[in-house]
PDB file of N, CA and C in Angstrom:
ATOM      1  N   MET A   1      12.870 -12.596 -24.067  1.00  0.00           N
ATOM      2  CA  MET A   1      12.622 -12.632 -22.643  1.00  0.00           C
ATOM      3  C   MET A   1      13.493 -11.584 -21.954  1.00  0.00           C
ATOM      4  N   VAL A   2      12.917 -10.875 -21.045  1.00  0.00           N
ATOM      5  CA  VAL A   2      13.631  -9.825 -20.325  1.00  0.00           C
ATOM      6  C   VAL A   2      14.548 -10.462 -19.284  1.00  0.00           C
ATOM      7  N   THR A   3      15.785 -10.017 -19.274  1.00  0.00           N
ATOM      8  CA  THR A   3      16.708 -10.547 -18.276  1.00  0.00           C
ATOM      9  C   THR A   3      16.473  -9.854 -16.948  1.00  0.00           C
ATOM     10  N   LEU A   4      16.920 -10.493 -15.897  1.00  0.00           N
ATOM     11  CA  LEU A   4      16.769  -9.931 -14.556  1.00  0.00           C
ATOM     12  C   LEU A   4      17.460  -8.585 -14.462  1.00  0.00           C
ATOM     13  N   ARG A   5      18.649  -8.496 -15.022  1.00  0.00           N
ATOM     14  CA  ARG A   5      19.416  -7.249 -14.974  1.00  0.00           C
ATOM     15  C   ARG A   5      18.650  -6.109 -15.651  1.00  0.00           C
ATOM     16  N   ALA A   6      17.965  -6.403 -16.740  1.00  0.00           N
ATOM     17  CA  ALA A   6      17.196  -5.380 -17.444  1.00  0.00           C
ATOM     18  C   ALA A   6      15.895  -5.064 -16.712  1.00  0.00           C
ATOM     19  N   ALA A   7      15.352  -6.019 -15.982  1.00  0.00           N
ATOM     20  CA  ALA A   7      14.062  -5.833 -15.316  1.00  0.00           C
ATOM     21  C   ALA A   7      14.166  -5.009 -14.041  1.00  0.00           C
ATOM     22  N   ILE A   8      15.279  -5.070 -13.337  1.00  0.00           N
ATOM     23  CA  ILE A   8      15.403  -4.367 -12.059  1.00  0.00           C
ATOM     24  C   ILE A   8      15.275  -2.856 -12.222  1.00  0.00           C
ATOM     25  N   PRO A   9      15.964  -2.223 -13.184  1.00  0.00           N
ATOM     26  CA  PRO A   9      15.759  -0.778 -13.353  1.00  0.00           C
ATOM     27  C   PRO A   9      14.321  -0.439 -13.738  1.00  0.00           C
ATOM     28  N   LYS A  10      13.708  -1.306 -14.534  1.00  0.00           N
ATOM     29  CA  LYS A  10      12.316  -1.082 -14.926  1.00  0.00           C
ATOM     30  C   LYS A  10      11.411  -1.122 -13.698  1.00  0.00           C
ATOM     31  N   LEU A  11      11.645  -2.087 -12.822  1.00  0.00           N
ATOM     32  CA  LEU A  11      10.857  -2.180 -11.602  1.00  0.00           C
ATOM     33  C   LEU A  11      11.059  -0.945 -10.736  1.00  0.00           C
ATOM     34  N   GLY A  12      12.298  -0.494 -10.635  1.00  0.00           N
ATOM     35  CA  GLY A  12      12.576   0.717  -9.868  1.00  0.00           C
ATOM     36  C   GLY A  12      11.821   1.910 -10.420  1.00  0.00           C
ATOM     37  N   ALA A  13      11.779   2.030 -11.749  1.00  0.00           N
ATOM     38  CA  ALA A  13      11.050   3.132 -12.380  1.00  0.00           C
ATOM     39  C   ALA A  13       9.555   3.020 -12.106  1.00  0.00           C
ATOM     40  N   VAL A  14       9.031   1.805 -12.164  1.00  0.00           N
ATOM     41  CA  VAL A  14       7.611   1.589 -11.880  1.00  0.00           C
ATOM     42  C   VAL A  14       7.297   1.975 -10.440  1.00  0.00           C
ATOM     43  N   LEU A  15       8.150   1.551  -9.517  1.00  0.00           N
ATOM     44  CA  LEU A  15       7.916   1.872  -8.111  1.00  0.00           C
ATOM     45  C   LEU A  15       8.000   3.376  -7.863  1.00  0.00           C
ATOM     46  N   LEU A  16       8.928   4.043  -8.525  1.00  0.00           N
ATOM     47  CA  LEU A  16       9.019   5.497  -8.398  1.00  0.00           C
ATOM     48  C   LEU A  16       7.761   6.154  -8.950  1.00  0.00           C
ATOM     49  N   PHE A  17       7.285   5.671 -10.091  1.00  0.00           N
ATOM     50  CA  PHE A  17       6.066   6.193 -10.693  1.00  0.00           C
ATOM     51  C   PHE A  17       4.883   6.011  -9.742  1.00  0.00           C
ATOM     52  N   VAL A  18       4.792   4.836  -9.151  1.00  0.00           N
ATOM     53  CA  VAL A  18       3.720   4.564  -8.193  1.00  0.00           C
ATOM     54  C   VAL A  18       3.813   5.528  -7.018  1.00  0.00           C
ATOM     55  N   PHE A  19       5.016   5.746  -6.532  1.00  0.00           N
ATOM     56  CA  PHE A  19       5.215   6.669  -5.418  1.00  0.00           C
ATOM     57  C   PHE A  19       4.702   8.060  -5.765  1.00  0.00           C
ATOM     58  N   LEU A  20       4.978   8.521  -6.959  1.00  0.00           N
ATOM     59  CA  LEU A  20       4.567   9.864  -7.355  1.00  0.00           C
ATOM     60  C   LEU A  20       3.058   9.976  -7.550  1.00  0.00           C
ATOM     61  N   LEU A  21       2.442   8.906  -8.006  1.00  0.00           N
ATOM     62  CA  LEU A  21       1.009   8.950  -8.281  1.00  0.00           C
ATOM     63  C   LEU A  21       0.133   8.621  -7.082  1.00  0.00           C
ATOM     64  N   LEU A  22       0.658   7.837  -6.187  1.00  0.00           N
ATOM     65  CA  LEU A  22      -0.174   7.295  -5.127  1.00  0.00           C
ATOM     66  C   LEU A  22       0.156   7.918  -3.787  1.00  0.00           C
ATOM     67  N   GLN A  23      -0.681   8.746  -3.319  1.00  0.00           N
ATOM     68  CA  GLN A  23      -0.524   9.315  -1.985  1.00  0.00           C
ATOM     69  C   GLN A  23      -1.793   8.991  -1.205  1.00  0.00           C
ATOM     70  N   VAL A  24      -1.678   8.159  -0.203  1.00  0.00           N
ATOM     71  CA  VAL A  24      -2.821   7.765   0.608  1.00  0.00           C
ATOM     72  C   VAL A  24      -2.895   8.701   1.808  1.00  0.00           C
ATOM     73  N   SER A  25      -4.059   9.321   1.997  1.00  0.00           N
ATOM     74  CA  SER A  25      -4.191  10.307   3.064  1.00  0.00           C
ATOM     75  C   SER A  25      -3.999   9.677   4.436  1.00  0.00           C
ATOM     76  N   LYS A  26      -3.433  10.445   5.347  1.00  0.00           N
ATOM     77  CA  LYS A  26      -3.202  10.088   6.739  1.00  0.00           C
ATOM     78  C   LYS A  26      -2.132   9.018   6.935  1.00  0.00           C
ATOM     79  N   ALA A  27      -1.589   8.502   5.889  1.00  0.00           N
ATOM     80  CA  ALA A  27      -0.548   7.487   6.035  1.00  0.00           C
ATOM     81  C   ALA A  27       0.792   8.165   6.248  1.00  0.00           C
ATOM     82  N   THR A  28       1.550   7.641   7.183  1.00  0.00           N
ATOM     83  CA  THR A  28       2.889   8.176   7.396  1.00  0.00           C
ATOM     84  C   THR A  28       3.918   7.397   6.594  1.00  0.00           C
ATOM     85  N   ILE A  29       3.532   6.245   6.093  1.00  0.00           N
ATOM     86  CA  ILE A  29       4.431   5.452   5.257  1.00  0.00           C
ATOM     87  C   ILE A  29       4.189   5.832   3.795  1.00  0.00           C
ATOM     88  N   SER A  30       5.251   5.926   3.039  1.00  0.00           N
ATOM     89  CA  SER A  30       5.126   6.316   1.633  1.00  0.00           C
ATOM     90  C   SER A  30       5.567   5.169   0.732  1.00  0.00           C
ATOM     91  N   CYS A  31       5.241   5.300  -0.545  1.00  0.00           N
ATOM     92  CA  CYS A  31       5.695   4.284  -1.496  1.00  0.00           C
ATOM     93  C   CYS A  31       7.215   4.263  -1.577  1.00  0.00           C
ATOM     94  N   SER A  32       7.845   5.380  -1.328  1.00  0.00           N
ATOM     95  CA  SER A  32       9.308   5.366  -1.346  1.00  0.00           C
ATOM     96  C   SER A  32       9.840   4.538  -0.182  1.00  0.00           C
ATOM     97  N   ASP A  33       9.165   4.574   0.970  1.00  0.00           N
ATOM     98  CA  ASP A  33       9.545   3.723   2.105  1.00  0.00           C
ATOM     99  C   ASP A  33       9.381   2.241   1.744  1.00  0.00           C
ATOM    100  N   VAL A  34       8.250   1.928   1.139  1.00  0.00           N
ATOM    101  CA  VAL A  34       7.965   0.549   0.749  1.00  0.00           C
ATOM    102  C   VAL A  34       9.002   0.070  -0.270  1.00  0.00           C
ATOM    103  N   THR A  35       9.289   0.922  -1.248  1.00  0.00           N
ATOM    104  CA  THR A  35      10.275   0.588  -2.277  1.00  0.00           C
ATOM    105  C   THR A  35      11.640   0.334  -1.661  1.00  0.00           C
ATOM    106  N   LYS A  36      12.063   1.222  -0.779  1.00  0.00           N
ATOM    107  CA  LYS A  36      13.368   1.085  -0.128  1.00  0.00           C
ATOM    108  C   LYS A  36      13.438  -0.225   0.661  1.00  0.00           C
ATOM    109  N   ASP A  37      12.373  -0.529   1.383  1.00  0.00           N
ATOM    110  CA  ASP A  37      12.372  -1.732   2.215  1.00  0.00           C
ATOM    111  C   ASP A  37      12.361  -3.021   1.393  1.00  0.00           C
ATOM    112  N   LEU A  38      11.613  -3.017   0.289  1.00  0.00           N
ATOM    113  CA  LEU A  38      11.437  -4.261  -0.458  1.00  0.00           C
ATOM    114  C   LEU A  38      12.339  -4.405  -1.681  1.00  0.00           C
ATOM    115  N   MET A  39      13.115  -3.396  -2.025  1.00  0.00           N
ATOM    116  CA  MET A  39      14.001  -3.499  -3.186  1.00  0.00           C
ATOM    117  C   MET A  39      14.938  -4.710  -3.097  1.00  0.00           C
ATOM    118  N   PRO A  40      15.459  -5.069  -1.903  1.00  0.00           N
ATOM    119  CA  PRO A  40      16.318  -6.263  -1.840  1.00  0.00           C
ATOM    120  C   PRO A  40      15.581  -7.571  -2.160  1.00  0.00           C
ATOM    121  N   CYS A  41      14.265  -7.520  -2.258  1.00  0.00           N
ATOM    122  CA  CYS A  41      13.479  -8.728  -2.537  1.00  0.00           C
ATOM    123  C   CYS A  41      13.189  -8.920  -4.026  1.00  0.00           C
ATOM    124  N   VAL A  42      13.430  -7.901  -4.836  1.00  0.00           N
ATOM    125  CA  VAL A  42      13.003  -7.930  -6.235  1.00  0.00           C
ATOM    126  C   VAL A  42      13.581  -9.122  -6.993  1.00  0.00           C
ATOM    127  N   SER A  43      14.883  -9.279  -6.985  1.00  0.00           N
ATOM    128  CA  SER A  43      15.470 -10.377  -7.769  1.00  0.00           C
ATOM    129  C   SER A  43      15.025 -11.733  -7.228  1.00  0.00           C
ATOM    130  N   TYR A  44      14.894 -11.851  -5.927  1.00  0.00           N
ATOM    131  CA  TYR A  44      14.414 -13.098  -5.327  1.00  0.00           C
ATOM    132  C   TYR A  44      12.993 -13.413  -5.798  1.00  0.00           C
ATOM    133  N   LEU A  45      12.104 -12.429  -5.776  1.00  0.00           N
ATOM    134  CA  LEU A  45      10.713 -12.659  -6.160  1.00  0.00           C
ATOM    135  C   LEU A  45      10.560 -12.927  -7.652  1.00  0.00           C
ATOM    136  N   MET A  46      11.496 -12.442  -8.447  1.00  0.00           N
ATOM    137  CA  MET A  46      11.416 -12.659  -9.887  1.00  0.00           C
ATOM    138  C   MET A  46      12.035 -13.990 -10.315  1.00  0.00           C
ATOM    139  N   SER A  47      13.100 -14.398  -9.666  1.00  0.00           N
ATOM    140  CA  SER A  47      13.773 -15.603 -10.158  1.00  0.00           C
ATOM    141  C   SER A  47      14.461 -16.414  -9.064  1.00  0.00           C
ATOM    142  N   GLY A  48      14.097 -16.187  -7.828  1.00  0.00           N
ATOM    143  CA  GLY A  48      14.757 -16.883  -6.728  1.00  0.00           C
ATOM    144  C   GLY A  48      14.150 -18.235  -6.433  1.00  0.00           C
ATOM    145  N   SER A  49      14.698 -18.851  -5.419  1.00  0.00           N
ATOM    146  CA  SER A  49      14.160 -20.113  -4.923  1.00  0.00           C
ATOM    147  C   SER A  49      14.625 -20.271  -3.478  1.00  0.00           C
ATOM    148  N   GLY A  50      13.982 -21.164  -2.770  1.00  0.00           N
ATOM    149  CA  GLY A  50      14.359 -21.390  -1.384  1.00  0.00           C
ATOM    150  C   GLY A  50      13.992 -20.223  -0.489  1.00  0.00           C
ATOM    151  N   LYS A  51      14.830 -19.992   0.489  1.00  0.00           N
ATOM    152  CA  LYS A  51      14.589 -18.919   1.462  1.00  0.00           C
ATOM    153  C   LYS A  51      15.039 -17.575   0.893  1.00  0.00           C
ATOM    154  N   PRO A  52      14.349 -16.495   1.252  1.00  0.00           N
ATOM    155  CA  PRO A  52      14.754 -15.167   0.776  1.00  0.00           C
ATOM    156  C   PRO A  52      16.077 -14.733   1.407  1.00  0.00           C
ATOM    157  N   PRO A  53      16.818 -13.859   0.724  1.00  0.00           N
ATOM    158  CA  PRO A  53      18.069 -13.351   1.297  1.00  0.00           C
ATOM    159  C   PRO A  53      17.802 -12.551   2.573  1.00  0.00           C
ATOM    160  N   SER A  54      18.781 -12.487   3.445  1.00  0.00           N
ATOM    161  CA  SER A  54      18.599 -11.785   4.719  1.00  0.00           C
ATOM    162  C   SER A  54      18.277 -10.309   4.509  1.00  0.00           C
ATOM    163  N   ALA A  55      18.851  -9.671   3.492  1.00  0.00           N
ATOM    164  CA  ALA A  55      18.549  -8.257   3.231  1.00  0.00           C
ATOM    165  C   ALA A  55      17.076  -8.072   2.869  1.00  0.00           C
ATOM    166  N   CYS A  56      16.520  -9.029   2.161  1.00  0.00           N
ATOM    167  CA  CYS A  56      15.094  -8.987   1.813  1.00  0.00           C
ATOM    168  C   CYS A  56      14.249  -9.093   3.080  1.00  0.00           C
ATOM    169  N   CYS A  57      14.565 -10.056   3.927  1.00  0.00           N
ATOM    170  CA  CYS A  57      13.803 -10.229   5.174  1.00  0.00           C
ATOM    171  C   CYS A  57      13.966  -9.026   6.094  1.00  0.00           C
ATOM    172  N   ASP A  58      15.157  -8.449   6.137  1.00  0.00           N
ATOM    173  CA  ASP A  58      15.362  -7.245   6.951  1.00  0.00           C
ATOM    174  C   ASP A  58      14.446  -6.126   6.472  1.00  0.00           C
ATOM    175  N   GLY A  59      14.338  -5.953   5.158  1.00  0.00           N
ATOM    176  CA  GLY A  59      13.458  -4.929   4.598  1.00  0.00           C
ATOM    177  C   GLY A  59      11.997  -5.222   4.860  1.00  0.00           C
ATOM    178  N   ALA A  60      11.603  -6.483   4.710  1.00  0.00           N
ATOM    179  CA  ALA A  60      10.213  -6.870   4.965  1.00  0.00           C
ATOM    180  C   ALA A  60       9.858  -6.652   6.433  1.00  0.00           C
ATOM    181  N   LYS A  61      10.801  -6.950   7.327  1.00  0.00           N
ATOM    182  CA  LYS A  61      10.569  -6.719   8.758  1.00  0.00           C
ATOM    183  C   LYS A  61      10.459  -5.229   9.057  1.00  0.00           C
ATOM    184  N   ALA A  62      11.290  -4.422   8.408  1.00  0.00           N
ATOM    185  CA  ALA A  62      11.221  -2.967   8.601  1.00  0.00           C
ATOM    186  C   ALA A  62       9.874  -2.440   8.128  1.00  0.00           C
ATOM    187  N   LEU A  63       9.398  -2.934   6.999  1.00  0.00           N
ATOM    188  CA  LEU A  63       8.095  -2.515   6.485  1.00  0.00           C
ATOM    189  C   LEU A  63       6.988  -2.940   7.437  1.00  0.00           C
ATOM    190  N   SER A  64       7.040  -4.165   7.915  1.00  0.00           N
ATOM    191  CA  SER A  64       6.030  -4.663   8.843  1.00  0.00           C
ATOM    192  C   SER A  64       5.995  -3.830  10.119  1.00  0.00           C
ATOM    193  N   SER A  65       7.157  -3.443  10.609  1.00  0.00           N
ATOM    194  CA  SER A  65       7.237  -2.620  11.826  1.00  0.00           C
ATOM    195  C   SER A  65       6.747  -1.202  11.588  1.00  0.00           C
ATOM    196  N   ALA A  66       6.980  -0.675  10.390  1.00  0.00           N
ATOM    197  CA  ALA A  66       6.605   0.709  10.088  1.00  0.00           C
ATOM    198  C   ALA A  66       5.114   0.854   9.793  1.00  0.00           C
ATOM    199  N   ALA A  67       4.515  -0.166   9.223  1.00  0.00           N
ATOM    200  CA  ALA A  67       3.105  -0.097   8.833  1.00  0.00           C
ATOM    201  C   ALA A  67       2.235  -0.534  10.006  1.00  0.00           C
ATOM    202  N   THR A  68       2.016   0.387  10.944  1.00  0.00           N
ATOM    203  CA  THR A  68       1.275   0.039  12.151  1.00  0.00           C
ATOM    204  C   THR A  68      -0.181   0.492  12.109  1.00  0.00           C
ATOM    205  N   SER A  69      -0.443   1.646  11.537  1.00  0.00           N
ATOM    206  CA  SER A  69      -1.825   2.132  11.483  1.00  0.00           C
ATOM    207  C   SER A  69      -2.545   1.526  10.283  1.00  0.00           C
ATOM    208  N   SER A  70      -3.855   1.605  10.317  1.00  0.00           N
ATOM    209  CA  SER A  70      -4.653   1.109   9.202  1.00  0.00           C
ATOM    210  C   SER A  70      -4.295   1.846   7.914  1.00  0.00           C
ATOM    211  N   ALA A  71      -4.100   3.162   8.009  1.00  0.00           N
ATOM    212  CA  ALA A  71      -3.738   3.953   6.825  1.00  0.00           C
ATOM    213  C   ALA A  71      -2.382   3.528   6.278  1.00  0.00           C
ATOM    214  N   ASP A  72      -1.431   3.257   7.170  1.00  0.00           N
ATOM    215  CA  ASP A  72      -0.108   2.799   6.733  1.00  0.00           C
ATOM    216  C   ASP A  72      -0.197   1.446   6.030  1.00  0.00           C
ATOM    217  N   LYS A  73      -0.971   0.543   6.592  1.00  0.00           N
ATOM    218  CA  LYS A  73      -1.116  -0.787   6.001  1.00  0.00           C
ATOM    219  C   LYS A  73      -1.761  -0.697   4.624  1.00  0.00           C
ATOM    220  N   LYS A  74      -2.785   0.147   4.504  1.00  0.00           N
ATOM    221  CA  LYS A  74      -3.440   0.327   3.204  1.00  0.00           C
ATOM    222  C   LYS A  74      -2.491   0.962   2.203  1.00  0.00           C
ATOM    223  N   ALA A  75      -1.710   1.942   2.646  1.00  0.00           N
ATOM    224  CA  ALA A  75      -0.756   2.601   1.748  1.00  0.00           C
ATOM    225  C   ALA A  75       0.294   1.607   1.262  1.00  0.00           C
ATOM    226  N   ALA A  76       0.837   0.810   2.168  1.00  0.00           N
ATOM    227  CA  ALA A  76       1.831  -0.198   1.790  1.00  0.00           C
ATOM    228  C   ALA A  76       1.221  -1.215   0.829  1.00  0.00           C
ATOM    229  N   CYS A  77       0.008  -1.629   1.120  1.00  0.00           N
ATOM    230  CA  CYS A  77      -0.693  -2.582   0.265  1.00  0.00           C
ATOM    231  C   CYS A  77      -0.859  -2.024  -1.145  1.00  0.00           C
ATOM    232  N   GLU A  78      -1.308  -0.779  -1.257  1.00  0.00           N
ATOM    233  CA  GLU A  78      -1.511  -0.169  -2.578  1.00  0.00           C
ATOM    234  C   GLU A  78      -0.202  -0.073  -3.350  1.00  0.00           C
ATOM    235  N   CYS A  79       0.869   0.277  -2.681  1.00  0.00           N
ATOM    236  CA  CYS A  79       2.176   0.365  -3.345  1.00  0.00           C
ATOM    237  C   CYS A  79       2.608  -0.998  -3.868  1.00  0.00           C
ATOM    238  N   ILE A  80       2.486  -2.008  -3.023  1.00  0.00           N
ATOM    239  CA  ILE A  80       2.884  -3.360  -3.415  1.00  0.00           C
ATOM    240  C   ILE A  80       1.982  -3.880  -4.530  1.00  0.00           C
ATOM    241  N   LYS A  81       0.687  -3.629  -4.419  1.00  0.00           N
ATOM    242  CA  LYS A  81      -0.256  -4.080  -5.441  1.00  0.00           C
ATOM    243  C   LYS A  81       0.082  -3.474  -6.795  1.00  0.00           C
ATOM    244  N   SER A  82       0.349  -2.180  -6.817  1.00  0.00           N
ATOM    245  CA  SER A  82       0.682  -1.514  -8.077  1.00  0.00           C
ATOM    246  C   SER A  82       1.970  -2.062  -8.670  1.00  0.00           C
ATOM    247  N   ALA A  83       2.968  -2.233  -7.842  1.00  0.00           N
ATOM    248  CA  ALA A  83       4.247  -2.766  -8.330  1.00  0.00           C
ATOM    249  C   ALA A  83       4.072  -4.195  -8.836  1.00  0.00           C
ATOM    250  N   ALA A  84       3.303  -5.001  -8.107  1.00  0.00           N
ATOM    251  CA  ALA A  84       3.111  -6.400  -8.486  1.00  0.00           C
ATOM    252  C   ALA A  84       2.378  -6.533  -9.814  1.00  0.00           C
ATOM    253  N   SER A  85       1.532  -5.563 -10.142  1.00  0.00           N
ATOM    254  CA  SER A  85       0.785  -5.647 -11.393  1.00  0.00           C
ATOM    255  C   SER A  85       1.636  -5.269 -12.601  1.00  0.00           C
ATOM    256  N   ASN A  86       2.829  -4.738 -12.369  1.00  0.00           N
ATOM    257  CA  ASN A  86       3.669  -4.280 -13.474  1.00  0.00           C
ATOM    258  C   ASN A  86       4.904  -5.132 -13.731  1.00  0.00           C
ATOM    259  N   VAL A  87       5.089  -6.194 -12.986  1.00  0.00           N
ATOM    260  CA  VAL A  87       6.266  -7.051 -13.187  1.00  0.00           C
ATOM    261  C   VAL A  87       5.855  -8.519 -13.126  1.00  0.00           C
ATOM    262  N   ASN A  88       6.670  -9.353 -13.725  1.00  0.00           N
ATOM    263  CA  ASN A  88       6.480 -10.798 -13.612  1.00  0.00           C
ATOM    264  C   ASN A  88       7.228 -11.271 -12.378  1.00  0.00           C
ATOM    265  N   TYR A  89       6.532 -11.894 -11.480  1.00  0.00           N
ATOM    266  CA  TYR A  89       7.146 -12.384 -10.254  1.00  0.00           C
ATOM    267  C   TYR A  89       6.589 -13.767  -9.954  1.00  0.00           C
ATOM    268  N   ASN A  90       7.284 -14.495  -9.121  1.00  0.00           N
ATOM    269  CA  ASN A  90       6.869 -15.827  -8.715  1.00  0.00           C
ATOM    270  C   ASN A  90       5.815 -15.674  -7.615  1.00  0.00           C
ATOM    271  N   VAL A  91       4.582 -15.988  -7.949  1.00  0.00           N
ATOM    272  CA  VAL A  91       3.461 -15.788  -7.034  1.00  0.00           C
ATOM    273  C   VAL A  91       3.658 -16.566  -5.732  1.00  0.00           C
ATOM    274  N   LYS A  92       4.126 -17.783  -5.828  1.00  0.00           N
ATOM    275  CA  LYS A  92       4.327 -18.613  -4.631  1.00  0.00           C
ATOM    276  C   LYS A  92       5.383 -18.001  -3.717  1.00  0.00           C
ATOM    277  N   LEU A  93       6.497 -17.524  -4.287  1.00  0.00           N
ATOM    278  CA  LEU A  93       7.527 -16.885  -3.466  1.00  0.00           C
ATOM    279  C   LEU A  93       6.973 -15.637  -2.789  1.00  0.00           C
ATOM    280  N   ALA A  94       6.157 -14.875  -3.514  1.00  0.00           N
ATOM    281  CA  ALA A  94       5.570 -13.660  -2.942  1.00  0.00           C
ATOM    282  C   ALA A  94       4.612 -14.003  -1.804  1.00  0.00           C
ATOM    283  N   GLN A  95       3.791 -15.022  -1.999  1.00  0.00           N
ATOM    284  CA  GLN A  95       2.848 -15.428  -0.957  1.00  0.00           C
ATOM    285  C   GLN A  95       3.567 -15.932   0.288  1.00  0.00           C
ATOM    286  N   ASP A  96       4.672 -16.620   0.087  1.00  0.00           N
ATOM    287  CA  ASP A  96       5.401 -17.216   1.204  1.00  0.00           C
ATOM    288  C   ASP A  96       6.408 -16.275   1.854  1.00  0.00           C
ATOM    289  N   LEU A  97       6.660 -15.124   1.244  1.00  0.00           N
ATOM    290  CA  LEU A  97       7.690 -14.218   1.757  1.00  0.00           C
ATOM    291  C   LEU A  97       7.484 -13.846   3.225  1.00  0.00           C
ATOM    292  N   PRO A  98       6.294 -13.401   3.642  1.00  0.00           N
ATOM    293  CA  PRO A  98       6.144 -13.036   5.061  1.00  0.00           C
ATOM    294  C   PRO A  98       6.484 -14.187   6.012  1.00  0.00           C
ATOM    295  N   SER A  99       5.937 -15.360   5.766  1.00  0.00           N
ATOM    296  CA  SER A  99       6.218 -16.476   6.682  1.00  0.00           C
ATOM    297  C   SER A  99       7.677 -16.913   6.598  1.00  0.00           C
ATOM    298  N   ASN A 100       8.269 -16.868   5.412  1.00  0.00           N
ATOM    299  CA  ASN A 100       9.684 -17.238   5.273  1.00  0.00           C
ATOM    300  C   ASN A 100      10.610 -16.242   5.963  1.00  0.00           C
ATOM    301  N   CYS A 101      10.116 -15.023   6.174  1.00  0.00           N
ATOM    302  CA  CYS A 101      10.904 -14.000   6.876  1.00  0.00           C
ATOM    303  C   CYS A 101      10.504 -13.878   8.346  1.00  0.00           C
ATOM    304  N   GLY A 102       9.540 -14.680   8.785  1.00  0.00           N
ATOM    305  CA  GLY A 102       9.135 -14.666  10.185  1.00  0.00           C
ATOM    306  C   GLY A 102       8.294 -13.467  10.583  1.00  0.00           C
ATOM    307  N   ILE A 103       7.528 -12.942   9.635  1.00  0.00           N
ATOM    308  CA  ILE A 103       6.655 -11.802   9.927  1.00  0.00           C
ATOM    309  C   ILE A 103       5.242 -12.126   9.465  1.00  0.00           C
ATOM    310  N   SER A 104       4.310 -11.270   9.842  1.00  0.00           N
ATOM    311  CA  SER A 104       2.965 -11.387   9.296  1.00  0.00           C
ATOM    312  C   SER A 104       2.585 -10.036   8.710  1.00  0.00           C
ATOM    313  N   LEU A 105       1.917 -10.092   7.592  1.00  0.00           N
ATOM    314  CA  LEU A 105       1.382  -8.889   6.962  1.00  0.00           C
ATOM    315  C   LEU A 105      -0.126  -9.048   6.904  1.00  0.00           C
ATOM    316  N   PRO A 106      -0.868  -7.951   7.001  1.00  0.00           N
ATOM    317  CA  PRO A 106      -2.325  -8.048   6.970  1.00  0.00           C
ATOM    318  C   PRO A 106      -2.878  -8.197   5.552  1.00  0.00           C
ATOM    319  N   PHE A 107      -2.002  -8.475   4.594  1.00  0.00           N
ATOM    320  CA  PHE A 107      -2.412  -8.644   3.207  1.00  0.00           C
ATOM    321  C   PHE A 107      -1.396  -9.547   2.516  1.00  0.00           C
ATOM    322  N   SER A 108      -1.815 -10.108   1.394  1.00  0.00           N
ATOM    323  CA  SER A 108      -0.885 -10.929   0.623  1.00  0.00           C
ATOM    324  C   SER A 108      -0.175 -10.050  -0.396  1.00  0.00           C
ATOM    325  N   ILE A 109       1.001 -10.466  -0.805  1.00  0.00           N
ATOM    326  CA  ILE A 109       1.734  -9.742  -1.835  1.00  0.00           C
ATOM    327  C   ILE A 109       1.191 -10.238  -3.161  1.00  0.00           C
ATOM    328  N   SER A 110       0.305  -9.426  -3.745  1.00  0.00           N
ATOM    329  CA  SER A 110      -0.423  -9.862  -4.928  1.00  0.00           C
ATOM    330  C   SER A 110      -0.971  -8.660  -5.679  1.00  0.00           C
ATOM    331  N   ALA A 111      -1.068  -8.800  -6.987  1.00  0.00           N
ATOM    332  CA  ALA A 111      -1.673  -7.746  -7.802  1.00  0.00           C
ATOM    333  C   ALA A 111      -3.193  -7.733  -7.642  1.00  0.00           C
ATOM    334  N   GLY A 112      -3.771  -8.801  -7.093  1.00  0.00           N
ATOM    335  CA  GLY A 112      -5.219  -8.900  -6.991  1.00  0.00           C
ATOM    336  C   GLY A 112      -5.799  -8.586  -5.624  1.00  0.00           C
ATOM    337  N   ILE A 113      -4.994  -8.152  -4.686  1.00  0.00           N
ATOM    338  CA  ILE A 113      -5.470  -7.893  -3.325  1.00  0.00           C
ATOM    339  C   ILE A 113      -6.387  -6.665  -3.287  1.00  0.00           C
ATOM    340  N   ASP A 114      -7.418  -6.720  -2.466  1.00  0.00           N
ATOM    341  CA  ASP A 114      -8.308  -5.576  -2.257  1.00  0.00           C
ATOM    342  C   ASP A 114      -7.837  -4.839  -1.008  1.00  0.00           C
ATOM    343  N   CYS A 115      -7.046  -3.802  -1.219  1.00  0.00           N
ATOM    344  CA  CYS A 115      -6.437  -3.071  -0.104  1.00  0.00           C
ATOM    345  C   CYS A 115      -7.461  -2.312   0.739  1.00  0.00           C
ATOM    346  N   SER A 116      -8.634  -2.049   0.194  1.00  0.00           N
ATOM    347  CA  SER A 116      -9.643  -1.299   0.949  1.00  0.00           C
ATOM    348  C   SER A 116     -10.196  -2.106   2.124  1.00  0.00           C
ATOM    349  N   LYS A 117      -9.999  -3.410   2.128  1.00  0.00           N
ATOM    350  CA  LYS A 117     -10.522  -4.264   3.200  1.00  0.00           C
ATOM    351  C   LYS A 117      -9.559  -4.428   4.367  1.00  0.00           C
ATOM    352  N   ILE A 118      -8.414  -3.780   4.291  1.00  0.00           N
ATOM    353  CA  ILE A 118      -7.416  -3.897   5.357  1.00  0.00           C
ATOM    354  C   ILE A 118      -7.786  -2.980   6.507  1.00  0.00           C
ATOM    355  N   ASN A 119      -7.687  -3.500   7.716  1.00  0.00           N
ATOM    356  CA  ASN A 119      -7.974  -2.699   8.921  1.00  0.00           C
ATOM    357  C   ASN A 119      -6.701  -2.279   9.601  1.00  0.00           C
TER     358      ASN A 119
END
């Protein structure tokens, strides 16, 4: 079983890879922005419980504030979707993260989300 300490660098590498491969046209938000904002949430989403740490919620709020246009929301969604498909995470914690941080996102944090349907 992969330890959390070993998984975090792997997740960072995956997110960097996603950033390099995924460029959504007209979006001002990048995968590097998404990665920076949500990196404090990684350990919580993989093995946490209860409420997310304040640094995680601060990042999620920053992402929510930055992703204002439809293109930005789709770009953020694609980045999160790609990252979510490459790591083991607690699905319930991911689904509850926006409400637990007091924000709303136009998509769920999931590997199965259809980002093309976001407005």
